[in-house]
Amino acid sequence: MITNLDGREIVTLVDKQMSQGRFTTQWNGSDASANACAAGTYLATSCRKGDTEPAGVCSSSQIALPIGKEPSICME
């Protein structure tokens, strides 16, 4: 999920259960309605649930959306 710094959800990139491991996804800088987002700082949040973890464990990474570029997001 990508949010702005105010916590407003911009778009969900992956909405499915995945096996354990490292994954990379690409965000094209658009919101859920395919509107271009302004250059700025956003948060990429990944949530996981497993046998040894409490439900809803989430981690966030700060990303910058430069003008005319697509940021890569890599979260473990």
PDB file of N, CA and C in Angstrom:
ATOM      1  N   MET A   1       0.849  -1.173   0.000  1.00  0.00           N
ATOM      2  CA  MET A   1       0.000   0.000   0.000  1.00  0.00           C
ATOM      3  C   MET A   1       0.892   1.233   0.000  1.00  0.00           C
ATOM      4  N   ILE A   2       0.526   2.204  -0.787  1.00  0.00           N
ATOM      5  CA  ILE A   2       1.218   3.495  -0.821  1.00  0.00           C
ATOM      6  C   ILE A   2       0.303   4.526  -0.169  1.00  0.00           C
ATOM      7  N   THR A   3       0.858   5.291   0.780  1.00  0.00           N
ATOM      8  CA  THR A   3       0.109   6.373   1.427  1.00  0.00           C
ATOM      9  C   THR A   3       0.921   7.654   1.341  1.00  0.00           C
ATOM     10  N   ASN A   4       0.231   8.780   1.473  1.00  0.00           N
ATOM     11  CA  ASN A   4       0.966  10.033   1.595  1.00  0.00           C
ATOM     12  C   ASN A   4       1.364  10.208   3.063  1.00  0.00           C
ATOM     13  N   LEU A   5       2.070  11.257   3.379  1.00  0.00           N
ATOM     14  CA  LEU A   5       2.550  11.446   4.746  1.00  0.00           C
ATOM     15  C   LEU A   5       1.441  11.776   5.732  1.00  0.00           C
ATOM     16  N   ASP A   6       0.252  12.113   5.236  1.00  0.00           N
ATOM     17  CA  ASP A   6      -0.907  12.337   6.098  1.00  0.00           C
ATOM     18  C   ASP A   6      -1.641  11.031   6.404  1.00  0.00           C
ATOM     19  N   GLY A   7      -1.203   9.925   5.798  1.00  0.00           N
ATOM     20  CA  GLY A   7      -1.825   8.626   6.036  1.00  0.00           C
ATOM     21  C   GLY A   7      -2.932   8.268   5.066  1.00  0.00           C
ATOM     22  N   ARG A   8      -3.194   9.130   4.093  1.00  0.00           N
ATOM     23  CA  ARG A   8      -4.246   8.837   3.112  1.00  0.00           C
ATOM     24  C   ARG A   8      -3.748   7.793   2.121  1.00  0.00           C
ATOM     25  N   GLU A   9      -4.534   6.718   1.939  1.00  0.00           N
ATOM     26  CA  GLU A   9      -4.144   5.669   1.007  1.00  0.00           C
ATOM     27  C   GLU A   9      -4.198   6.190  -0.423  1.00  0.00           C
ATOM     28  N   ILE A  10      -3.114   5.978  -1.149  1.00  0.00           N
ATOM     29  CA  ILE A  10      -3.025   6.397  -2.545  1.00  0.00           C
ATOM     30  C   ILE A  10      -3.390   5.233  -3.464  1.00  0.00           C
ATOM     31  N   VAL A  11      -2.758   4.075  -3.244  1.00  0.00           N
ATOM     32  CA  VAL A  11      -3.004   2.899  -4.084  1.00  0.00           C
ATOM     33  C   VAL A  11      -2.493   1.653  -3.350  1.00  0.00           C
ATOM     34  N   THR A  12      -3.122   0.526  -3.628  1.00  0.00           N
ATOM     35  CA  THR A  12      -2.640  -0.761  -3.138  1.00  0.00           C
ATOM     36  C   THR A  12      -1.969  -1.462  -4.307  1.00  0.00           C
ATOM     37  N   LEU A  13      -0.703  -1.807  -4.152  1.00  0.00           N
ATOM     38  CA  LEU A  13       0.052  -2.421  -5.237  1.00  0.00           C
ATOM     39  C   LEU A  13      -0.135  -3.935  -5.294  1.00  0.00           C
ATOM     40  N   VAL A  14      -0.126  -4.586  -4.155  1.00  0.00           N
ATOM     41  CA  VAL A  14      -0.279  -6.047  -4.086  1.00  0.00           C
ATOM     42  C   VAL A  14      -1.329  -6.344  -3.032  1.00  0.00           C
ATOM     43  N   ASP A  15      -2.359  -7.067  -3.422  1.00  0.00           N
ATOM     44  CA  ASP A  15      -3.432  -7.394  -2.482  1.00  0.00           C
ATOM     45  C   ASP A  15      -3.716  -8.888  -2.550  1.00  0.00           C
ATOM     46  N   LYS A  16      -2.689  -9.679  -2.198  1.00  0.00           N
ATOM     47  CA  LYS A  16      -2.848 -11.124  -2.177  1.00  0.00           C
ATOM     48  C   LYS A  16      -1.854 -11.710  -1.192  1.00  0.00           C
ATOM     49  N   GLN A  17      -2.117 -12.911  -0.757  1.00  0.00           N
ATOM     50  CA  GLN A  17      -1.227 -13.595   0.155  1.00  0.00           C
ATOM     51  C   GLN A  17      -0.048 -14.133  -0.644  1.00  0.00           C
ATOM     52  N   MET A  18       1.170 -13.942  -0.106  1.00  0.00           N
ATOM     53  CA  MET A  18       2.371 -14.372  -0.805  1.00  0.00           C
ATOM     54  C   MET A  18       3.220 -15.227   0.122  1.00  0.00           C
ATOM     55  N   SER A  19       4.043 -16.079  -0.470  1.00  0.00           N
ATOM     56  CA  SER A  19       4.946 -16.901   0.324  1.00  0.00           C
ATOM     57  C   SER A  19       6.041 -16.026   0.926  1.00  0.00           C
ATOM     58  N   GLN A  20       6.738 -16.570   1.913  1.00  0.00           N
ATOM     59  CA  GLN A  20       7.815 -15.836   2.567  1.00  0.00           C
ATOM     60  C   GLN A  20       8.941 -15.588   1.575  1.00  0.00           C
ATOM     61  N   GLY A  21       9.591 -14.447   1.679  1.00  0.00           N
ATOM     62  CA  GLY A  21      10.718 -14.146   0.808  1.00  0.00           C
ATOM     63  C   GLY A  21      10.813 -12.667   0.507  1.00  0.00           C
ATOM     64  N   ARG A  22      11.646 -12.354  -0.430  1.00  0.00           N
ATOM     65  CA  ARG A  22      11.882 -10.967  -0.828  1.00  0.00           C
ATOM     66  C   ARG A  22      11.177 -10.724  -2.157  1.00  0.00           C
ATOM     67  N   PHE A  23      10.480  -9.600  -2.231  1.00  0.00           N
ATOM     68  CA  PHE A  23       9.716  -9.269  -3.427  1.00  0.00           C
ATOM     69  C   PHE A  23       9.983  -7.829  -3.824  1.00  0.00           C
ATOM     70  N   THR A  24       9.896  -7.562  -5.090  1.00  0.00           N
ATOM     71  CA  THR A  24      10.040  -6.205  -5.610  1.00  0.00           C
ATOM     72  C   THR A  24       8.796  -5.882  -6.420  1.00  0.00           C
ATOM     73  N   THR A  25       8.306  -4.678  -6.258  1.00  0.00           N
ATOM     74  CA  THR A  25       7.163  -4.239  -7.046  1.00  0.00           C
ATOM     75  C   THR A  25       7.469  -2.846  -7.594  1.00  0.00           C
ATOM     76  N   GLN A  26       6.761  -2.450  -8.586  1.00  0.00           N
ATOM     77  CA  GLN A  26       6.987  -1.146  -9.227  1.00  0.00           C
ATOM     78  C   GLN A  26       5.736  -0.297  -9.051  1.00  0.00           C
ATOM     79  N   TRP A  27       5.922   0.934  -8.651  1.00  0.00           N
ATOM     80  CA  TRP A  27       4.820   1.892  -8.571  1.00  0.00           C
ATOM     81  C   TRP A  27       5.025   2.917  -9.667  1.00  0.00           C
ATOM     82  N   ASN A  28       4.013   3.150 -10.469  1.00  0.00           N
ATOM     83  CA  ASN A  28       4.145   4.087 -11.593  1.00  0.00           C
ATOM     84  C   ASN A  28       3.849   5.536 -11.214  1.00  0.00           C
ATOM     85  N   GLY A  29       3.649   5.801  -9.920  1.00  0.00           N
ATOM     86  CA  GLY A  29       3.415   7.169  -9.482  1.00  0.00           C
ATOM     87  C   GLY A  29       1.981   7.635  -9.641  1.00  0.00           C
ATOM     88  N   SER A  30       1.063   6.691  -9.872  1.00  0.00           N
ATOM     89  CA  SER A  30      -0.353   7.027 -10.043  1.00  0.00           C
ATOM     90  C   SER A  30      -1.166   6.545  -8.852  1.00  0.00           C
ATOM     91  N   ASP A  31      -2.323   7.179  -8.642  1.00  0.00           N
ATOM     92  CA  ASP A  31      -3.216   6.723  -7.581  1.00  0.00           C
ATOM     93  C   ASP A  31      -4.104   5.596  -8.107  1.00  0.00           C
ATOM     94  N   ALA A  32      -5.053   5.143  -7.301  1.00  0.00           N
ATOM     95  CA  ALA A  32      -5.915   4.022  -7.666  1.00  0.00           C
ATOM     96  C   ALA A  32      -6.808   4.332  -8.871  1.00  0.00           C
ATOM     97  N   SER A  33      -6.992   5.604  -9.177  1.00  0.00           N
ATOM     98  CA  SER A  33      -7.809   6.001 -10.335  1.00  0.00           C
ATOM     99  C   SER A  33      -6.957   6.345 -11.554  1.00  0.00           C
ATOM    100  N   ALA A  34      -5.661   5.997 -11.499  1.00  0.00           N
ATOM    101  CA  ALA A  34      -4.698   6.235 -12.586  1.00  0.00           C
ATOM    102  C   ALA A  34      -4.352   7.711 -12.775  1.00  0.00           C
ATOM    103  N   ASN A  35      -4.620   8.544 -11.756  1.00  0.00           N
ATOM    104  CA  ASN A  35      -4.214   9.948 -11.804  1.00  0.00           C
ATOM    105  C   ASN A  35      -2.779  10.064 -11.315  1.00  0.00           C
ATOM    106  N   ALA A  36      -1.972  10.859 -11.999  1.00  0.00           N
ATOM    107  CA  ALA A  36      -0.580  11.045 -11.603  1.00  0.00           C
ATOM    108  C   ALA A  36      -0.507  11.733 -10.236  1.00  0.00           C
ATOM    109  N   CYS A  37       0.359  11.234  -9.374  1.00  0.00           N
ATOM    110  CA  CYS A  37       0.565  11.842  -8.053  1.00  0.00           C
ATOM    111  C   CYS A  37       1.636  12.913  -8.151  1.00  0.00           C
ATOM    112  N   ALA A  38       1.551  13.874  -7.281  1.00  0.00           N
ATOM    113  CA  ALA A  38       2.539  14.946  -7.250  1.00  0.00           C
ATOM    114  C   ALA A  38       3.882  14.402  -6.779  1.00  0.00           C
ATOM    115  N   ALA A  39       4.957  14.997  -7.253  1.00  0.00           N
ATOM    116  CA  ALA A  39       6.288  14.644  -6.753  1.00  0.00           C
ATOM    117  C   ALA A  39       6.309  14.906  -5.258  1.00  0.00           C
ATOM    118  N   GLY A  40       6.956  14.043  -4.503  1.00  0.00           N
ATOM    119  CA  GLY A  40       6.999  14.233  -3.060  1.00  0.00           C
ATOM    120  C   GLY A  40       7.392  12.960  -2.353  1.00  0.00           C
ATOM    121  N   THR A  41       7.134  12.899  -1.065  1.00  0.00           N
ATOM    122  CA  THR A  41       7.490  11.764  -0.230  1.00  0.00           C
ATOM    123  C   THR A  41       6.238  10.964   0.119  1.00  0.00           C
ATOM    124  N   TYR A  42       6.344   9.668  -0.026  1.00  0.00           N
ATOM    125  CA  TYR A  42       5.245   8.751   0.245  1.00  0.00           C
ATOM    126  C   TYR A  42       5.754   7.606   1.115  1.00  0.00           C
ATOM    127  N   LEU A  43       4.836   6.810   1.651  1.00  0.00           N
ATOM    128  CA  LEU A  43       5.197   5.640   2.443  1.00  0.00           C
ATOM    129  C   LEU A  43       4.693   4.382   1.749  1.00  0.00           C
ATOM    130  N   ALA A  44       5.578   3.385   1.641  1.00  0.00           N
ATOM    131  CA  ALA A  44       5.197   2.064   1.141  1.00  0.00           C
ATOM    132  C   ALA A  44       5.096   1.160   2.357  1.00  0.00           C
ATOM    133  N   THR A  45       3.939   0.540   2.560  1.00  0.00           N
ATOM    134  CA  THR A  45       3.705  -0.291   3.740  1.00  0.00           C
ATOM    135  C   THR A  45       3.439  -1.721   3.326  1.00  0.00           C
ATOM    136  N   SER A  46       4.105  -2.642   3.999  1.00  0.00           N
ATOM    137  CA  SER A  46       3.936  -4.066   3.774  1.00  0.00           C
ATOM    138  C   SER A  46       3.470  -4.694   5.078  1.00  0.00           C
ATOM    139  N   CYS A  47       2.414  -5.487   5.027  1.00  0.00           N
ATOM    140  CA  CYS A  47       1.901  -6.165   6.221  1.00  0.00           C
ATOM    141  C   CYS A  47       2.032  -7.663   6.030  1.00  0.00           C
ATOM    142  N   ARG A  48       2.318  -8.346   7.131  1.00  0.00           N
ATOM    143  CA  ARG A  48       2.479  -9.796   7.062  1.00  0.00           C
ATOM    144  C   ARG A  48       1.845 -10.468   8.267  1.00  0.00           C
ATOM    145  N   LYS A  49       1.538 -11.729   8.093  1.00  0.00           N
ATOM    146  CA  LYS A  49       0.958 -12.528   9.161  1.00  0.00           C
ATOM    147  C   LYS A  49       1.552 -13.923   9.041  1.00  0.00           C
ATOM    148  N   GLY A  50       2.045 -14.472  10.132  1.00  0.00           N
ATOM    149  CA  GLY A  50       2.653 -15.790  10.089  1.00  0.00           C
ATOM    150  C   GLY A  50       2.489 -16.529  11.394  1.00  0.00           C
ATOM    151  N   ASP A  51       3.004 -17.740  11.445  1.00  0.00           N
ATOM    152  CA  ASP A  51       2.864 -18.589  12.624  1.00  0.00           C
ATOM    153  C   ASP A  51       3.516 -17.992  13.860  1.00  0.00           C
ATOM    154  N   THR A  52       4.652 -17.302  13.694  1.00  0.00           N
ATOM    155  CA  THR A  52       5.388 -16.790  14.852  1.00  0.00           C
ATOM    156  C   THR A  52       5.202 -15.297  15.052  1.00  0.00           C
ATOM    157  N   GLU A  53       4.358 -14.679  14.245  1.00  0.00           N
ATOM    158  CA  GLU A  53       4.164 -13.232  14.334  1.00  0.00           C
ATOM    159  C   GLU A  53       2.715 -12.928  14.695  1.00  0.00           C
ATOM    160  N   PRO A  54       2.499 -11.861  15.450  1.00  0.00           N
ATOM    161  CA  PRO A  54       1.110 -11.470  15.712  1.00  0.00           C
ATOM    162  C   PRO A  54       0.433 -11.000  14.421  1.00  0.00           C
ATOM    163  N   ALA A  55      -0.864 -11.083  14.398  1.00  0.00           N
ATOM    164  CA  ALA A  55      -1.614 -10.652  13.216  1.00  0.00           C
ATOM    165  C   ALA A  55      -1.373  -9.170  12.942  1.00  0.00           C
ATOM    166  N   GLY A  56      -1.243  -8.844  11.687  1.00  0.00           N
ATOM    167  CA  GLY A  56      -1.142  -7.449  11.301  1.00  0.00           C
ATOM    168  C   GLY A  56       0.192  -6.781  11.547  1.00  0.00           C
ATOM    169  N   VAL A  57       1.305  -7.517  11.511  1.00  0.00           N
ATOM    170  CA  VAL A  57       2.624  -6.906  11.655  1.00  0.00           C
ATOM    171  C   VAL A  57       2.929  -6.161  10.359  1.00  0.00           C
ATOM    172  N   CYS A  58       3.196  -4.870  10.465  1.00  0.00           N
ATOM    173  CA  CYS A  58       3.437  -4.049   9.279  1.00  0.00           C
ATOM    174  C   CYS A  58       4.757  -3.304   9.394  1.00  0.00           C
ATOM    175  N   SER A  59       5.374  -3.042   8.259  1.00  0.00           N
ATOM    176  CA  SER A  59       6.565  -2.206   8.214  1.00  0.00           C
ATOM    177  C   SER A  59       6.400  -1.227   7.067  1.00  0.00           C
ATOM    178  N   SER A  60       6.970  -0.047   7.231  1.00  0.00           N
ATOM    179  CA  SER A  60       6.866   1.001   6.214  1.00  0.00           C
ATOM    180  C   SER A  60       8.243   1.488   5.806  1.00  0.00           C
ATOM    181  N   SER A  61       8.357   1.867   4.551  1.00  0.00           N
ATOM    182  CA  SER A  61       9.573   2.467   4.021  1.00  0.00           C
ATOM    183  C   SER A  61       9.208   3.791   3.379  1.00  0.00           C
ATOM    184  N   GLN A  62      10.016   4.778   3.629  1.00  0.00           N
ATOM    185  CA  GLN A  62       9.789   6.094   3.026  1.00  0.00           C
ATOM    186  C   GLN A  62      10.354   6.066   1.616  1.00  0.00           C
ATOM    187  N   ILE A  63       9.590   6.558   0.651  1.00  0.00           N
ATOM    188  CA  ILE A  63      10.050   6.627  -0.730  1.00  0.00           C
ATOM    189  C   ILE A  63       9.825   8.034  -1.265  1.00  0.00           C
ATOM    190  N   ALA A  64      10.659   8.419  -2.201  1.00  0.00           N
ATOM    191  CA  ALA A  64      10.522   9.723  -2.842  1.00  0.00           C
ATOM    192  C   ALA A  64      10.033   9.507  -4.261  1.00  0.00           C
ATOM    193  N   LEU A  65       9.064  10.273  -4.680  1.00  0.00           N
ATOM    194  CA  LEU A  65       8.562  10.213  -6.046  1.00  0.00           C
ATOM    195  C   LEU A  65       9.119  11.426  -6.778  1.00  0.00           C
ATOM    196  N   PRO A  66      10.203  11.227  -7.531  1.00  0.00           N
ATOM    197  CA  PRO A  66      10.760  12.349  -8.287  1.00  0.00           C
ATOM    198  C   PRO A  66       9.891  12.648  -9.514  1.00  0.00           C
ATOM    199  N   ILE A  67      10.034  13.815 -10.037  1.00  0.00           N
ATOM    200  CA  ILE A  67       9.269  14.214 -11.222  1.00  0.00           C
ATOM    201  C   ILE A  67       9.697  13.342 -12.399  1.00  0.00           C
ATOM    202  N   GLY A  68       8.708  12.699 -13.041  1.00  0.00           N
ATOM    203  CA  GLY A  68       8.967  11.924 -14.259  1.00  0.00           C
ATOM    204  C   GLY A  68       9.663  10.592 -14.050  1.00  0.00           C
ATOM    205  N   LYS A  69       9.748  10.075 -12.840  1.00  0.00           N
ATOM    206  CA  LYS A  69      10.429   8.801 -12.583  1.00  0.00           C
ATOM    207  C   LYS A  69       9.477   7.825 -11.914  1.00  0.00           C
ATOM    208  N   GLU A  70       9.804   6.534 -11.984  1.00  0.00           N
ATOM    209  CA  GLU A  70       9.041   5.492 -11.294  1.00  0.00           C
ATOM    210  C   GLU A  70       9.932   4.863 -10.229  1.00  0.00           C
ATOM    211  N   PRO A  71       9.590   5.015  -8.943  1.00  0.00           N
ATOM    212  CA  PRO A  71      10.434   4.435  -7.897  1.00  0.00           C
ATOM    213  C   PRO A  71      10.241   2.936  -7.764  1.00  0.00           C
ATOM    214  N   SER A  72      11.321   2.210  -7.480  1.00  0.00           N
ATOM    215  CA  SER A  72      11.226   0.788  -7.148  1.00  0.00           C
ATOM    216  C   SER A  72      11.066   0.653  -5.657  1.00  0.00           C
ATOM    217  N   ILE A  73      10.303  -0.337  -5.234  1.00  0.00           N
ATOM    218  CA  ILE A  73      10.057  -0.573  -3.820  1.00  0.00           C
ATOM    219  C   ILE A  73      10.453  -2.002  -3.509  1.00  0.00           C
ATOM    220  N   CYS A  74      11.373  -2.185  -2.589  1.00  0.00           N
ATOM    221  CA  CYS A  74      11.796  -3.510  -2.212  1.00  0.00           C
ATOM    222  C   CYS A  74      11.598  -3.655  -0.720  1.00  0.00           C
ATOM    223  N   MET A  75      10.752  -4.588  -0.308  1.00  0.00           N
ATOM    224  CA  MET A  75      10.469  -4.783   1.113  1.00  0.00           C
ATOM    225  C   MET A  75      10.587  -6.258   1.436  1.00  0.00           C
ATOM    226  N   GLU A  76      11.177  -6.575   2.594  1.00  0.00           N
ATOM    227  CA  GLU A  76      11.310  -7.968   3.024  1.00  0.00           C
ATOM    228  C   GLU A  76      10.270  -8.290   4.052  1.00  0.00           C
TER     229      GLU A  76
END
